[in-house]
Amino acid sequence: MGFKTIKDNATNELDNEPNDHPLYGDYKYDSVHRPEHYNTGSLECIDAIKGMLDHDEYIGYLRGNALKYMWRFRYKKKPIEDLRKARWYEERLISYMLEHPSDK
């Protein structure tokens, strides 16, 4: 079973807005699902982290990151982006738990 994302129920107007990153100029990158700074090699950072953690540690990692983004979204310049990042980690956790039903 692969990792799947949930589509926004609301309009995705902000998804089409540029990220205004000084290093990327007009280049549009996905800062939520595939940020370039985590994808510079042949292995994505999240997969390397998953490989070095045991089952409970990986669940804690995903939960902690979701909480981090939920905690701070009101204090950042891009609150919707942080909410989407929180949801990304929650969706990853759901997918992981569905792939490991006996390990709950």
PDB file of N, CA and C in Angstrom:
ATOM      1  N   MET A   1       0.852  -1.177   0.000  1.00  0.00           N
ATOM      2  CA  MET A   1       0.000   0.000   0.000  1.00  0.00           C
ATOM      3  C   MET A   1       0.893   1.232   0.000  1.00  0.00           C
ATOM      4  N   GLY A   2       0.676   2.125  -0.920  1.00  0.00           N
ATOM      5  CA  GLY A   2       1.485   3.326  -1.016  1.00  0.00           C
ATOM      6  C   GLY A   2       0.913   4.472  -0.220  1.00  0.00           C
ATOM      7  N   PHE A   3       1.686   5.504  -0.097  1.00  0.00           N
ATOM      8  CA  PHE A   3       1.271   6.708   0.623  1.00  0.00           C
ATOM      9  C   PHE A   3       0.326   7.512  -0.248  1.00  0.00           C
ATOM     10  N   LYS A   4      -0.817   7.867   0.301  1.00  0.00           N
ATOM     11  CA  LYS A   4      -1.811   8.648  -0.430  1.00  0.00           C
ATOM     12  C   LYS A   4      -2.102   9.923   0.339  1.00  0.00           C
ATOM     13  N   THR A   5      -2.521  10.952  -0.372  1.00  0.00           N
ATOM     14  CA  THR A   5      -2.876  12.203   0.287  1.00  0.00           C
ATOM     15  C   THR A   5      -4.366  12.451   0.140  1.00  0.00           C
ATOM     16  N   ILE A   6      -4.894  13.231   1.040  1.00  0.00           N
ATOM     17  CA  ILE A   6      -6.290  13.619   1.011  1.00  0.00           C
ATOM     18  C   ILE A   6      -6.376  14.974   0.323  1.00  0.00           C
ATOM     19  N   LYS A   7      -7.292  15.110  -0.603  1.00  0.00           N
ATOM     20  CA  LYS A   7      -7.475  16.377  -1.303  1.00  0.00           C
ATOM     21  C   LYS A   7      -8.172  17.374  -0.383  1.00  0.00           C
ATOM     22  N   ASP A   8      -7.835  18.637  -0.553  1.00  0.00           N
ATOM     23  CA  ASP A   8      -8.517  19.678   0.203  1.00  0.00           C
ATOM     24  C   ASP A   8      -9.985  19.715  -0.199  1.00  0.00           C
ATOM     25  N   ASN A   9     -10.855  19.911   0.779  1.00  0.00           N
ATOM     26  CA  ASN A   9     -12.263  20.121   0.472  1.00  0.00           C
ATOM     27  C   ASN A   9     -12.500  21.567   0.057  1.00  0.00           C
ATOM     28  N   ALA A  10     -11.679  22.451   0.569  1.00  0.00           N
ATOM     29  CA  ALA A  10     -11.810  23.866   0.235  1.00  0.00           C
ATOM     30  C   ALA A  10     -11.099  24.133  -1.089  1.00  0.00           C
ATOM     31  N   THR A  11     -11.294  25.318  -1.610  1.00  0.00           N
ATOM     32  CA  THR A  11     -10.595  25.677  -2.838  1.00  0.00           C
ATOM     33  C   THR A  11      -9.101  25.734  -2.563  1.00  0.00           C
ATOM     34  N   ASN A  12      -8.325  25.416  -3.547  1.00  0.00           N
ATOM     35  CA  ASN A  12      -6.870  25.358  -3.411  1.00  0.00           C
ATOM     36  C   ASN A  12      -6.212  26.589  -4.003  1.00  0.00           C
ATOM     37  N   GLU A  13      -6.778  27.752  -3.782  1.00  0.00           N
ATOM     38  CA  GLU A  13      -6.232  28.976  -4.353  1.00  0.00           C
ATOM     39  C   GLU A  13      -4.786  29.200  -3.928  1.00  0.00           C
ATOM     40  N   LEU A  14      -4.467  28.890  -2.689  1.00  0.00           N
ATOM     41  CA  LEU A  14      -3.110  29.134  -2.200  1.00  0.00           C
ATOM     42  C   LEU A  14      -2.096  28.174  -2.799  1.00  0.00           C
ATOM     43  N   ASP A  15      -2.545  27.005  -3.265  1.00  0.00           N
ATOM     44  CA  ASP A  15      -1.621  26.060  -3.880  1.00  0.00           C
ATOM     45  C   ASP A  15      -1.006  26.631  -5.150  1.00  0.00           C
ATOM     46  N   ASN A  16      -1.697  27.535  -5.795  1.00  0.00           N
ATOM     47  CA  ASN A  16      -1.210  28.098  -7.054  1.00  0.00           C
ATOM     48  C   ASN A  16      -0.406  29.373  -6.867  1.00  0.00           C
ATOM     49  N   GLU A  17      -0.281  29.828  -5.646  1.00  0.00           N
ATOM     50  CA  GLU A  17       0.483  31.031  -5.370  1.00  0.00           C
ATOM     51  C   GLU A  17       1.971  30.709  -5.344  1.00  0.00           C
ATOM     52  N   PRO A  18       2.816  31.605  -5.840  1.00  0.00           N
ATOM     53  CA  PRO A  18       4.259  31.372  -5.763  1.00  0.00           C
ATOM     54  C   PRO A  18       4.724  31.382  -4.313  1.00  0.00           C
ATOM     55  N   ASN A  19       5.803  30.695  -4.048  1.00  0.00           N
ATOM     56  CA  ASN A  19       6.326  30.613  -2.695  1.00  0.00           C
ATOM     57  C   ASN A  19       7.239  31.774  -2.333  1.00  0.00           C
ATOM     58  N   ASP A  20       7.573  32.605  -3.303  1.00  0.00           N
ATOM     59  CA  ASP A  20       8.384  33.802  -3.074  1.00  0.00           C
ATOM     60  C   ASP A  20       9.687  33.493  -2.343  1.00  0.00           C
ATOM     61  N   HIS A  21      10.336  32.456  -2.763  1.00  0.00           N
ATOM     62  CA  HIS A  21      11.605  32.075  -2.152  1.00  0.00           C
ATOM     63  C   HIS A  21      12.728  32.736  -2.942  1.00  0.00           C
ATOM     64  N   PRO A  22      13.619  33.482  -2.283  1.00  0.00           N
ATOM     65  CA  PRO A  22      14.628  34.245  -3.011  1.00  0.00           C
ATOM     66  C   PRO A  22      15.592  33.381  -3.830  1.00  0.00           C
ATOM     67  N   LEU A  23      15.850  32.153  -3.426  1.00  0.00           N
ATOM     68  CA  LEU A  23      16.791  31.311  -4.165  1.00  0.00           C
ATOM     69  C   LEU A  23      16.174  30.654  -5.389  1.00  0.00           C
ATOM     70  N   TYR A  24      14.852  30.524  -5.388  1.00  0.00           N
ATOM     71  CA  TYR A  24      14.205  29.801  -6.473  1.00  0.00           C
ATOM     72  C   TYR A  24      13.559  30.709  -7.500  1.00  0.00           C
ATOM     73  N   GLY A  25      13.473  31.990  -7.208  1.00  0.00           N
ATOM     74  CA  GLY A  25      12.891  32.929  -8.158  1.00  0.00           C
ATOM     75  C   GLY A  25      11.480  32.522  -8.538  1.00  0.00           C
ATOM     76  N   ASP A  26      11.230  32.422  -9.860  1.00  0.00           N
ATOM     77  CA  ASP A  26       9.907  32.061 -10.350  1.00  0.00           C
ATOM     78  C   ASP A  26       9.667  30.556 -10.318  1.00  0.00           C
ATOM     79  N   TYR A  27      10.707  29.767 -10.034  1.00  0.00           N
ATOM     80  CA  TYR A  27      10.552  28.325  -9.996  1.00  0.00           C
ATOM     81  C   TYR A  27       9.560  27.945  -8.911  1.00  0.00           C
ATOM     82  N   LYS A  28       8.552  27.170  -9.261  1.00  0.00           N
ATOM     83  CA  LYS A  28       7.536  26.768  -8.296  1.00  0.00           C
ATOM     84  C   LYS A  28       7.890  25.390  -7.766  1.00  0.00           C
ATOM     85  N   TYR A  29       8.113  25.294  -6.488  1.00  0.00           N
ATOM     86  CA  TYR A  29       8.426  24.016  -5.869  1.00  0.00           C
ATOM     87  C   TYR A  29       7.349  23.682  -4.855  1.00  0.00           C
ATOM     88  N   ASP A  30       7.262  22.430  -4.477  1.00  0.00           N
ATOM     89  CA  ASP A  30       6.243  21.984  -3.535  1.00  0.00           C
ATOM     90  C   ASP A  30       6.860  21.915  -2.153  1.00  0.00           C
ATOM     91  N   SER A  31       6.630  22.929  -1.363  1.00  0.00           N
ATOM     92  CA  SER A  31       7.252  23.015  -0.046  1.00  0.00           C
ATOM     93  C   SER A  31       6.573  22.123   0.984  1.00  0.00           C
ATOM     94  N   VAL A  32       5.468  21.503   0.638  1.00  0.00           N
ATOM     95  CA  VAL A  32       4.771  20.620   1.568  1.00  0.00           C
ATOM     96  C   VAL A  32       5.089  19.161   1.275  1.00  0.00           C
ATOM     97  N   HIS A  33       4.858  18.716   0.068  1.00  0.00           N
ATOM     98  CA  HIS A  33       4.971  17.295  -0.249  1.00  0.00           C
ATOM     99  C   HIS A  33       6.369  16.844  -0.668  1.00  0.00           C
ATOM    100  N   ARG A  34       7.141  17.695  -1.303  1.00  0.00           N
ATOM    101  CA  ARG A  34       8.476  17.315  -1.741  1.00  0.00           C
ATOM    102  C   ARG A  34       9.431  18.503  -1.697  1.00  0.00           C
ATOM    103  N   PRO A  35       9.708  19.028  -0.514  1.00  0.00           N
ATOM    104  CA  PRO A  35      10.633  20.163  -0.453  1.00  0.00           C
ATOM    105  C   PRO A  35      12.018  19.754  -0.950  1.00  0.00           C
ATOM    106  N   GLU A  36      12.595  20.582  -1.775  1.00  0.00           N
ATOM    107  CA  GLU A  36      13.861  20.227  -2.416  1.00  0.00           C
ATOM    108  C   GLU A  36      14.982  19.970  -1.422  1.00  0.00           C
ATOM    109  N   HIS A  37      14.995  20.668  -0.312  1.00  0.00           N
ATOM    110  CA  HIS A  37      16.084  20.496   0.642  1.00  0.00           C
ATOM    111  C   HIS A  37      16.024  19.147   1.349  1.00  0.00           C
ATOM    112  N   TYR A  38      14.976  18.368   1.142  1.00  0.00           N
ATOM    113  CA  TYR A  38      14.900  17.011   1.687  1.00  0.00           C
ATOM    114  C   TYR A  38      15.032  15.951   0.597  1.00  0.00           C
ATOM    115  N   ASN A  39      15.260  16.365  -0.631  1.00  0.00           N
ATOM    116  CA  ASN A  39      15.301  15.437  -1.765  1.00  0.00           C
ATOM    117  C   ASN A  39      16.537  15.651  -2.636  1.00  0.00           C
ATOM    118  N   THR A  40      17.687  15.772  -2.041  1.00  0.00           N
ATOM    119  CA  THR A  40      18.884  16.064  -2.830  1.00  0.00           C
ATOM    120  C   THR A  40      19.614  14.817  -3.287  1.00  0.00           C
ATOM    121  N   GLY A  41      19.338  13.680  -2.723  1.00  0.00           N
ATOM    122  CA  GLY A  41      20.009  12.439  -3.100  1.00  0.00           C
ATOM    123  C   GLY A  41      19.030  11.449  -3.690  1.00  0.00           C
ATOM    124  N   SER A  42      19.417  10.185  -3.697  1.00  0.00           N
ATOM    125  CA  SER A  42      18.547   9.158  -4.254  1.00  0.00           C
ATOM    126  C   SER A  42      17.508   8.685  -3.243  1.00  0.00           C
ATOM    127  N   LEU A  43      17.676   9.028  -1.981  1.00  0.00           N
ATOM    128  CA  LEU A  43      16.763   8.623  -0.928  1.00  0.00           C
ATOM    129  C   LEU A  43      16.179   9.863  -0.263  1.00  0.00           C
ATOM    130  N   GLU A  44      14.860   9.913  -0.177  1.00  0.00           N
ATOM    131  CA  GLU A  44      14.223  11.057   0.477  1.00  0.00           C
ATOM    132  C   GLU A  44      14.490  10.990   1.974  1.00  0.00           C
ATOM    133  N   CYS A  45      14.651  12.126   2.603  1.00  0.00           N
ATOM    134  CA  CYS A  45      15.000  12.216   4.019  1.00  0.00           C
ATOM    135  C   CYS A  45      14.026  11.431   4.901  1.00  0.00           C
ATOM    136  N   ILE A  46      12.730  11.546   4.659  1.00  0.00           N
ATOM    137  CA  ILE A  46      11.729  10.866   5.477  1.00  0.00           C
ATOM    138  C   ILE A  46      11.923   9.351   5.425  1.00  0.00           C
ATOM    139  N   ASP A  47      12.341   8.826   4.283  1.00  0.00           N
ATOM    140  CA  ASP A  47      12.567   7.385   4.159  1.00  0.00           C
ATOM    141  C   ASP A  47      13.810   6.950   4.924  1.00  0.00           C
ATOM    142  N   ALA A  48      14.826   7.791   4.939  1.00  0.00           N
ATOM    143  CA  ALA A  48      16.031   7.487   5.726  1.00  0.00           C
ATOM    144  C   ALA A  48      15.703   7.493   7.216  1.00  0.00           C
ATOM    145  N   ILE A  49      14.906   8.457   7.644  1.00  0.00           N
ATOM    146  CA  ILE A  49      14.505   8.523   9.050  1.00  0.00           C
ATOM    147  C   ILE A  49      13.692   7.291   9.419  1.00  0.00           C
ATOM    148  N   LYS A  50      12.757   6.912   8.570  1.00  0.00           N
ATOM    149  CA  LYS A  50      11.948   5.711   8.823  1.00  0.00           C
ATOM    150  C   LYS A  50      12.837   4.479   8.952  1.00  0.00           C
ATOM    151  N   GLY A  51      13.868   4.394   8.130  1.00  0.00           N
ATOM    152  CA  GLY A  51      14.761   3.250   8.152  1.00  0.00           C
ATOM    153  C   GLY A  51      15.599   3.134   9.412  1.00  0.00           C
ATOM    154  N   MET A  52      15.849   4.242  10.077  1.00  0.00           N
ATOM    155  CA  MET A  52      16.704   4.194  11.269  1.00  0.00           C
ATOM    156  C   MET A  52      15.926   4.109  12.579  1.00  0.00           C
ATOM    157  N   LEU A  53      14.593   4.255  12.509  1.00  0.00           N
ATOM    158  CA  LEU A  53      13.767   4.223  13.710  1.00  0.00           C
ATOM    159  C   LEU A  53      12.994   2.913  13.799  1.00  0.00           C
ATOM    160  N   ASP A  54      12.714   2.483  15.026  1.00  0.00           N
ATOM    161  CA  ASP A  54      11.831   1.321  15.157  1.00  0.00           C
ATOM    162  C   ASP A  54      10.380   1.788  15.025  1.00  0.00           C
ATOM    163  N   HIS A  55       9.458   0.854  15.116  1.00  0.00           N
ATOM    164  CA  HIS A  55       8.036   1.126  14.889  1.00  0.00           C
ATOM    165  C   HIS A  55       7.519   2.272  15.770  1.00  0.00           C
ATOM    166  N   ASP A  56       7.708   2.160  17.070  1.00  0.00           N
ATOM    167  CA  ASP A  56       7.185   3.175  17.988  1.00  0.00           C
ATOM    168  C   ASP A  56       7.891   4.523  17.829  1.00  0.00           C
ATOM    169  N   GLU A  57       9.175   4.499  17.563  1.00  0.00           N
ATOM    170  CA  GLU A  57       9.910   5.755  17.354  1.00  0.00           C
ATOM    171  C   GLU A  57       9.404   6.483  16.113  1.00  0.00           C
ATOM    172  N   TYR A  58       9.150   5.722  15.039  1.00  0.00           N
ATOM    173  CA  TYR A  58       8.667   6.336  13.795  1.00  0.00           C
ATOM    174  C   TYR A  58       7.286   6.947  13.998  1.00  0.00           C
ATOM    175  N   ILE A  59       6.416   6.252  14.712  1.00  0.00           N
ATOM    176  CA  ILE A  59       5.095   6.800  15.014  1.00  0.00           C
ATOM    177  C   ILE A  59       5.248   8.092  15.811  1.00  0.00           C
ATOM    178  N   GLY A  60       6.120   8.091  16.809  1.00  0.00           N
ATOM    179  CA  GLY A  60       6.361   9.297  17.598  1.00  0.00           C
ATOM    180  C   GLY A  60       6.908  10.438  16.760  1.00  0.00           C
ATOM    181  N   TYR A  61       7.787  10.111  15.822  1.00  0.00           N
ATOM    182  CA  TYR A  61       8.345  11.128  14.926  1.00  0.00           C
ATOM    183  C   TYR A  61       7.234  11.788  14.112  1.00  0.00           C
ATOM    184  N   LEU A  62       6.365  10.970  13.521  1.00  0.00           N
ATOM    185  CA  LEU A  62       5.277  11.507  12.705  1.00  0.00           C
ATOM    186  C   LEU A  62       4.307  12.328  13.549  1.00  0.00           C
ATOM    187  N   ARG A  63       3.953  11.815  14.707  1.00  0.00           N
ATOM    188  CA  ARG A  63       3.041  12.542  15.603  1.00  0.00           C
ATOM    189  C   ARG A  63       3.655  13.861  16.054  1.00  0.00           C
ATOM    190  N   GLY A  64       4.927  13.828  16.417  1.00  0.00           N
ATOM    191  CA  GLY A  64       5.602  15.033  16.891  1.00  0.00           C
ATOM    192  C   GLY A  64       5.682  16.112  15.834  1.00  0.00           C
ATOM    193  N   ASN A  65       5.965  15.730  14.606  1.00  0.00           N
ATOM    194  CA  ASN A  65       6.037  16.728  13.536  1.00  0.00           C
ATOM    195  C   ASN A  65       4.670  17.297  13.213  1.00  0.00           C
ATOM    196  N   ALA A  66       3.641  16.455  13.223  1.00  0.00           N
ATOM    197  CA  ALA A  66       2.286  16.969  13.001  1.00  0.00           C
ATOM    198  C   ALA A  66       1.935  17.986  14.083  1.00  0.00           C
ATOM    199  N   LEU A  67       2.234  17.652  15.322  1.00  0.00           N
ATOM    200  CA  LEU A  67       1.953  18.565  16.436  1.00  0.00           C
ATOM    201  C   LEU A  67       2.734  19.871  16.299  1.00  0.00           C
ATOM    202  N   LYS A  68       3.994  19.762  15.904  1.00  0.00           N
ATOM    203  CA  LYS A  68       4.835  20.962  15.747  1.00  0.00           C
ATOM    204  C   LYS A  68       4.195  21.944  14.771  1.00  0.00           C
ATOM    205  N   TYR A  69       3.747  21.447  13.616  1.00  0.00           N
ATOM    206  CA  TYR A  69       3.158  22.344  12.617  1.00  0.00           C
ATOM    207  C   TYR A  69       1.799  22.868  13.058  1.00  0.00           C
ATOM    208  N   MET A  70       1.019  22.060  13.761  1.00  0.00           N
ATOM    209  CA  MET A  70      -0.265  22.535  14.280  1.00  0.00           C
ATOM    210  C   MET A  70      -0.043  23.594  15.361  1.00  0.00           C
ATOM    211  N   TRP A  71       0.982  23.402  16.144  1.00  0.00           N
ATOM    212  CA  TRP A  71       1.270  24.303  17.265  1.00  0.00           C
ATOM    213  C   TRP A  71       1.634  25.713  16.774  1.00  0.00           C
ATOM    214  N   ARG A  72       2.404  25.792  15.699  1.00  0.00           N
ATOM    215  CA  ARG A  72       2.968  27.083  15.326  1.00  0.00           C
ATOM    216  C   ARG A  72       2.319  27.764  14.127  1.00  0.00           C
ATOM    217  N   PHE A  73       1.298  27.143  13.522  1.00  0.00           N
ATOM    218  CA  PHE A  73       0.764  27.698  12.275  1.00  0.00           C
ATOM    219  C   PHE A  73       0.254  29.130  12.418  1.00  0.00           C
ATOM    220  N   ARG A  74      -0.255  29.503  13.584  1.00  0.00           N
ATOM    221  CA  ARG A  74      -0.791  30.862  13.754  1.00  0.00           C
ATOM    222  C   ARG A  74       0.296  31.921  13.868  1.00  0.00           C
ATOM    223  N   TYR A  75       1.509  31.499  14.082  1.00  0.00           N
ATOM    224  CA  TYR A  75       2.598  32.446  14.321  1.00  0.00           C
ATOM    225  C   TYR A  75       3.549  32.585  13.136  1.00  0.00           C
ATOM    226  N   LYS A  76       3.216  31.960  12.029  1.00  0.00           N
ATOM    227  CA  LYS A  76       4.086  31.984  10.855  1.00  0.00           C
ATOM    228  C   LYS A  76       3.423  32.818   9.754  1.00  0.00           C
ATOM    229  N   LYS A  77       4.220  33.185   8.765  1.00  0.00           N
ATOM    230  CA  LYS A  77       3.692  33.983   7.664  1.00  0.00           C
ATOM    231  C   LYS A  77       2.850  33.174   6.690  1.00  0.00           C
ATOM    232  N   LYS A  78       2.999  31.852   6.716  1.00  0.00           N
ATOM    233  CA  LYS A  78       2.243  30.993   5.807  1.00  0.00           C
ATOM    234  C   LYS A  78       1.498  29.924   6.621  1.00  0.00           C
ATOM    235  N   PRO A  79       0.439  30.332   7.324  1.00  0.00           N
ATOM    236  CA  PRO A  79      -0.265  29.381   8.193  1.00  0.00           C
ATOM    237  C   PRO A  79      -0.887  28.214   7.439  1.00  0.00           C
ATOM    238  N   ILE A  80      -1.409  28.452   6.252  1.00  0.00           N
ATOM    239  CA  ILE A  80      -2.029  27.365   5.482  1.00  0.00           C
ATOM    240  C   ILE A  80      -0.978  26.326   5.105  1.00  0.00           C
ATOM    241  N   GLU A  81       0.207  26.779   4.748  1.00  0.00           N
ATOM    242  CA  GLU A  81       1.279  25.843   4.414  1.00  0.00           C
ATOM    243  C   GLU A  81       1.632  24.973   5.624  1.00  0.00           C
ATOM    244  N   ASP A  82       1.721  25.559   6.806  1.00  0.00           N
ATOM    245  CA  ASP A  82       2.014  24.760   7.996  1.00  0.00           C
ATOM    246  C   ASP A  82       0.890  23.787   8.307  1.00  0.00           C
ATOM    247  N   LEU A  83      -0.356  24.185   8.105  1.00  0.00           N
ATOM    248  CA  LEU A  83      -1.468  23.258   8.310  1.00  0.00           C
ATOM    249  C   LEU A  83      -1.400  22.095   7.322  1.00  0.00           C
ATOM    250  N   ARG A  84      -1.004  22.391   6.103  1.00  0.00           N
ATOM    251  CA  ARG A  84      -0.851  21.308   5.109  1.00  0.00           C
ATOM    252  C   ARG A  84       0.305  20.391   5.476  1.00  0.00           C
ATOM    253  N   LYS A  85       1.365  20.948   6.037  1.00  0.00           N
ATOM    254  CA  LYS A  85       2.482  20.106   6.483  1.00  0.00           C
ATOM    255  C   LYS A  85       2.046  19.211   7.636  1.00  0.00           C
ATOM    256  N   ALA A  86       1.265  19.749   8.560  1.00  0.00           N
ATOM    257  CA  ALA A  86       0.739  18.933   9.664  1.00  0.00           C
ATOM    258  C   ALA A  86      -0.105  17.793   9.109  1.00  0.00           C
ATOM    259  N   ARG A  87      -0.959  18.112   8.161  1.00  0.00           N
ATOM    260  CA  ARG A  87      -1.811  17.087   7.556  1.00  0.00           C
ATOM    261  C   ARG A  87      -0.963  16.052   6.810  1.00  0.00           C
ATOM    262  N   TRP A  88       0.121  16.486   6.162  1.00  0.00           N
ATOM    263  CA  TRP A  88       1.005  15.561   5.456  1.00  0.00           C
ATOM    264  C   TRP A  88       1.546  14.511   6.427  1.00  0.00           C
ATOM    265  N   TYR A  89       2.007  14.941   7.603  1.00  0.00           N
ATOM    266  CA  TYR A  89       2.513  13.994   8.592  1.00  0.00           C
ATOM    267  C   TYR A  89       1.400  13.109   9.138  1.00  0.00           C
ATOM    268  N   GLU A  90       0.214  13.664   9.345  1.00  0.00           N
ATOM    269  CA  GLU A  90      -0.910  12.855   9.820  1.00  0.00           C
ATOM    270  C   GLU A  90      -1.309  11.806   8.786  1.00  0.00           C
ATOM    271  N   GLU A  91      -1.326  12.202   7.517  1.00  0.00           N
ATOM    272  CA  GLU A  91      -1.656  11.246   6.456  1.00  0.00           C
ATOM    273  C   GLU A  91      -0.590  10.156   6.347  1.00  0.00           C
ATOM    274  N   ARG A  92       0.643  10.539   6.524  1.00  0.00           N
ATOM    275  CA  ARG A  92       1.734   9.558   6.504  1.00  0.00           C
ATOM    276  C   ARG A  92       1.566   8.566   7.659  1.00  0.00           C
ATOM    277  N   LEU A  93       1.176   9.066   8.822  1.00  0.00           N
ATOM    278  CA  LEU A  93       0.933   8.208   9.980  1.00  0.00           C
ATOM    279  C   LEU A  93      -0.235   7.260   9.714  1.00  0.00           C
ATOM    280  N   ILE A  94      -1.313   7.766   9.150  1.00  0.00           N
ATOM    281  CA  ILE A  94      -2.461   6.916   8.824  1.00  0.00           C
ATOM    282  C   ILE A  94      -2.051   5.823   7.845  1.00  0.00           C
ATOM    283  N   SER A  95      -1.337   6.181   6.801  1.00  0.00           N
ATOM    284  CA  SER A  95      -0.883   5.191   5.825  1.00  0.00           C
ATOM    285  C   SER A  95       0.017   4.140   6.470  1.00  0.00           C
ATOM    286  N   TYR A  96       0.913   4.596   7.329  1.00  0.00           N
ATOM    287  CA  TYR A  96       1.828   3.672   8.014  1.00  0.00           C
ATOM    288  C   TYR A  96       1.040   2.701   8.890  1.00  0.00           C
ATOM    289  N   MET A  97       0.059   3.208   9.625  1.00  0.00           N
ATOM    290  CA  MET A  97      -0.737   2.345  10.501  1.00  0.00           C
ATOM    291  C   MET A  97      -1.591   1.367   9.693  1.00  0.00           C
ATOM    292  N   LEU A  98      -2.084   1.789   8.541  1.00  0.00           N
ATOM    293  CA  LEU A  98      -2.839   0.875   7.685  1.00  0.00           C
ATOM    294  C   LEU A  98      -1.949  -0.231   7.114  1.00  0.00           C
ATOM    295  N   GLU A  99      -0.678   0.094   6.869  1.00  0.00           N
ATOM    296  CA  GLU A  99       0.273  -0.904   6.359  1.00  0.00           C
ATOM    297  C   GLU A  99       0.744  -1.865   7.441  1.00  0.00           C
ATOM    298  N   HIS A 100       0.587  -1.482   8.707  1.00  0.00           N
ATOM    299  CA  HIS A 100       1.040  -2.292   9.844  1.00  0.00           C
ATOM    300  C   HIS A 100      -0.106  -2.491  10.833  1.00  0.00           C
ATOM    301  N   PRO A 101      -1.216  -3.121  10.402  1.00  0.00           N
ATOM    302  CA  PRO A 101      -2.401  -3.203  11.254  1.00  0.00           C
ATOM    303  C   PRO A 101      -2.195  -3.993  12.553  1.00  0.00           C
ATOM    304  N   SER A 102      -1.306  -4.955  12.564  1.00  0.00           N
ATOM    305  CA  SER A 102      -1.107  -5.761  13.767  1.00  0.00           C
ATOM    306  C   SER A 102      -0.138  -5.096  14.747  1.00  0.00           C
ATOM    307  N   ASP A 103       0.461  -3.995  14.345  1.00  0.00           N
ATOM    308  CA  ASP A 103       1.458  -3.319  15.181  1.00  0.00           C
ATOM    309  C   ASP A 103       0.897  -2.091  15.897  1.00  0.00           C
ATOM    310  N   LYS A 104      -0.423  -1.992  16.009  1.00  0.00           N
ATOM    311  CA  LYS A 104      -1.040  -0.805  16.605  1.00  0.00           C
ATOM    312  C   LYS A 104      -0.759  -0.790  18.079  1.00  0.00           C
TER     313      LYS A 104
END
